[in-house]
N, C-alpha and C. Protein backbone atom coordinates (compact mmCIF):
# COMPACT_ATOMS: atom_id res chain seq x y z
N MET A 1 5.04 3.96 -9.97
CA MET A 1 6.15 4.11 -9.06
C MET A 1 7.33 3.30 -9.60
N LYS A 2 8.45 3.96 -9.80
CA LYS A 2 9.61 3.33 -10.42
C LYS A 2 10.16 2.15 -9.61
N THR A 3 10.19 2.30 -8.30
CA THR A 3 10.73 1.23 -7.46
C THR A 3 9.89 -0.03 -7.59
N ALA A 4 8.60 0.11 -7.58
CA ALA A 4 7.71 -1.05 -7.71
C ALA A 4 7.88 -1.71 -9.07
N ALA A 5 7.97 -0.91 -10.11
CA ALA A 5 8.15 -1.46 -11.46
C ALA A 5 9.46 -2.21 -11.56
N ARG A 6 10.51 -1.67 -10.97
CA ARG A 6 11.81 -2.34 -11.01
C ARG A 6 11.77 -3.64 -10.21
N LEU A 7 11.12 -3.62 -9.05
CA LEU A 7 11.00 -4.85 -8.26
C LEU A 7 10.27 -5.92 -9.05
N TYR A 8 9.19 -5.54 -9.71
CA TYR A 8 8.44 -6.52 -10.51
C TYR A 8 9.29 -7.02 -11.68
N GLN A 9 9.98 -6.10 -12.32
CA GLN A 9 10.82 -6.48 -13.46
C GLN A 9 11.93 -7.45 -13.04
N THR A 10 12.52 -7.20 -11.89
CA THR A 10 13.64 -8.01 -11.41
C THR A 10 13.19 -9.32 -10.77
N HIS A 11 12.13 -9.25 -9.96
CA HIS A 11 11.74 -10.40 -9.14
C HIS A 11 10.41 -11.02 -9.52
N GLY A 12 9.67 -10.41 -10.42
CA GLY A 12 8.35 -10.93 -10.75
C GLY A 12 7.44 -10.85 -9.53
N ARG A 13 6.63 -11.88 -9.34
CA ARG A 13 5.70 -11.90 -8.20
C ARG A 13 6.42 -11.84 -6.86
N GLN A 14 7.66 -12.30 -6.81
CA GLN A 14 8.42 -12.28 -5.57
C GLN A 14 8.77 -10.86 -5.13
N GLY A 15 8.64 -9.90 -6.04
CA GLY A 15 8.87 -8.50 -5.69
C GLY A 15 7.94 -8.05 -4.57
N LEU A 16 6.77 -8.61 -4.53
CA LEU A 16 5.82 -8.31 -3.46
C LEU A 16 6.39 -8.74 -2.11
N ARG A 17 6.96 -9.91 -2.06
CA ARG A 17 7.58 -10.42 -0.83
C ARG A 17 8.80 -9.58 -0.45
N VAL A 18 9.61 -9.21 -1.44
CA VAL A 18 10.79 -8.39 -1.18
C VAL A 18 10.38 -7.07 -0.51
N ALA A 19 9.38 -6.41 -1.06
CA ALA A 19 8.92 -5.13 -0.51
C ALA A 19 8.34 -5.31 0.89
N ALA A 20 7.56 -6.35 1.09
CA ALA A 20 6.96 -6.60 2.40
C ALA A 20 8.03 -6.91 3.45
N ASN A 21 9.03 -7.68 3.07
CA ASN A 21 10.12 -8.00 4.00
C ASN A 21 10.90 -6.74 4.37
N ARG A 22 11.13 -5.89 3.40
CA ARG A 22 11.85 -4.64 3.67
C ARG A 22 11.03 -3.76 4.61
N ALA A 23 9.74 -3.67 4.40
CA ALA A 23 8.87 -2.88 5.27
C ALA A 23 8.92 -3.44 6.70
N SER A 24 8.87 -4.75 6.82
CA SER A 24 8.90 -5.38 8.13
C SER A 24 10.21 -5.10 8.86
N LYS A 25 11.32 -5.21 8.13
CA LYS A 25 12.63 -4.97 8.73
C LYS A 25 12.75 -3.53 9.22
N LEU A 26 12.31 -2.59 8.40
CA LEU A 26 12.39 -1.19 8.79
C LEU A 26 11.50 -0.91 10.00
N ALA A 27 10.33 -1.51 10.04
CA ALA A 27 9.44 -1.33 11.19
C ALA A 27 10.09 -1.86 12.46
N GLN A 28 10.72 -3.01 12.37
CA GLN A 28 11.40 -3.58 13.53
C GLN A 28 12.55 -2.71 14.01
N GLU A 29 13.17 -2.00 13.07
CA GLU A 29 14.28 -1.10 13.41
C GLU A 29 13.78 0.25 13.91
N GLY A 30 12.48 0.45 13.88
CA GLY A 30 11.91 1.70 14.37
C GLY A 30 11.77 2.79 13.33
N ASP A 31 12.02 2.45 12.07
CA ASP A 31 11.90 3.43 10.98
C ASP A 31 10.48 3.37 10.41
N ARG A 32 9.56 4.03 11.07
CA ARG A 32 8.15 3.98 10.66
C ARG A 32 7.94 4.60 9.28
N GLY A 33 8.62 5.70 9.01
CA GLY A 33 8.47 6.34 7.70
C GLY A 33 8.95 5.45 6.58
N GLY A 34 10.11 4.83 6.77
CA GLY A 34 10.63 3.91 5.76
C GLY A 34 9.73 2.71 5.58
N ALA A 35 9.22 2.21 6.69
CA ALA A 35 8.31 1.06 6.62
C ALA A 35 7.05 1.41 5.83
N MET A 36 6.50 2.59 6.10
CA MET A 36 5.30 3.02 5.37
C MET A 36 5.58 3.15 3.87
N GLU A 37 6.74 3.69 3.55
CA GLU A 37 7.11 3.85 2.13
C GLU A 37 7.16 2.48 1.44
N TRP A 38 7.76 1.50 2.11
CA TRP A 38 7.85 0.17 1.52
C TRP A 38 6.51 -0.55 1.48
N LEU A 39 5.62 -0.22 2.40
CA LEU A 39 4.26 -0.77 2.30
C LEU A 39 3.56 -0.21 1.06
N LEU A 40 3.77 1.06 0.79
CA LEU A 40 3.20 1.66 -0.42
C LEU A 40 3.79 1.02 -1.67
N ILE A 41 5.09 0.75 -1.63
CA ILE A 41 5.74 0.08 -2.76
C ILE A 41 5.15 -1.31 -2.93
N SER A 42 4.92 -2.00 -1.82
CA SER A 42 4.31 -3.33 -1.86
C SER A 42 2.94 -3.28 -2.53
N GLU A 43 2.14 -2.29 -2.17
CA GLU A 43 0.82 -2.13 -2.78
C GLU A 43 0.94 -1.84 -4.28
N ALA A 44 1.93 -1.06 -4.66
CA ALA A 44 2.13 -0.75 -6.08
C ALA A 44 2.55 -2.00 -6.84
N VAL A 45 3.39 -2.83 -6.25
CA VAL A 45 3.77 -4.10 -6.89
C VAL A 45 2.54 -4.97 -7.07
N GLN A 46 1.70 -5.02 -6.06
CA GLN A 46 0.46 -5.81 -6.15
C GLN A 46 -0.40 -5.32 -7.31
N GLN A 47 -0.49 -4.02 -7.47
CA GLN A 47 -1.28 -3.46 -8.56
C GLN A 47 -0.67 -3.84 -9.92
N ILE A 48 0.64 -3.79 -10.01
CA ILE A 48 1.32 -4.18 -11.26
C ILE A 48 1.03 -5.64 -11.57
N ILE A 49 1.10 -6.49 -10.55
CA ILE A 49 0.81 -7.91 -10.75
C ILE A 49 -0.60 -8.10 -11.29
N GLN A 50 -1.55 -7.40 -10.69
CA GLN A 50 -2.94 -7.52 -11.15
C GLN A 50 -3.10 -7.04 -12.58
N GLU A 51 -2.46 -5.93 -12.92
CA GLU A 51 -2.58 -5.39 -14.27
C GLU A 51 -1.92 -6.29 -15.30
N LYS A 52 -0.77 -6.85 -14.97
CA LYS A 52 0.01 -7.64 -15.95
C LYS A 52 -0.46 -9.09 -16.04
N GLU A 53 -1.01 -9.61 -14.94
CA GLU A 53 -1.29 -11.03 -14.90
C GLU A 53 -2.77 -11.39 -14.91
N THR A 54 -3.64 -10.39 -14.89
CA THR A 54 -5.07 -10.64 -14.96
C THR A 54 -5.53 -10.45 -16.40
N PRO A 55 -6.07 -11.50 -17.01
CA PRO A 55 -6.54 -11.35 -18.38
C PRO A 55 -7.70 -10.34 -18.45
N ASP A 56 -7.72 -9.59 -19.53
CA ASP A 56 -8.83 -8.64 -19.74
C ASP A 56 -10.13 -9.39 -19.92
N ALA A 57 -11.17 -8.89 -19.30
CA ALA A 57 -12.47 -9.52 -19.40
C ALA A 57 -13.04 -9.43 -20.81
N GLY A 58 -12.64 -8.40 -21.54
CA GLY A 58 -13.21 -8.17 -22.87
C GLY A 58 -12.53 -8.91 -23.99
N THR A 59 -11.45 -9.65 -23.71
CA THR A 59 -10.77 -10.34 -24.80
C THR A 59 -10.95 -11.82 -24.76
């Protein structure tokens, strides 16, 4: 997901917090669809963090 990759590239691990905060704000505003989209982005950022920052077991 391009948005998640850009968040990670720009903010590093803090991209996860940025996405979660955006999801929370949209939910409070009543935008359930937008909130769900940002939750998915948050999950994608988490996956990127795990892939980039977890050392391979085989190396």
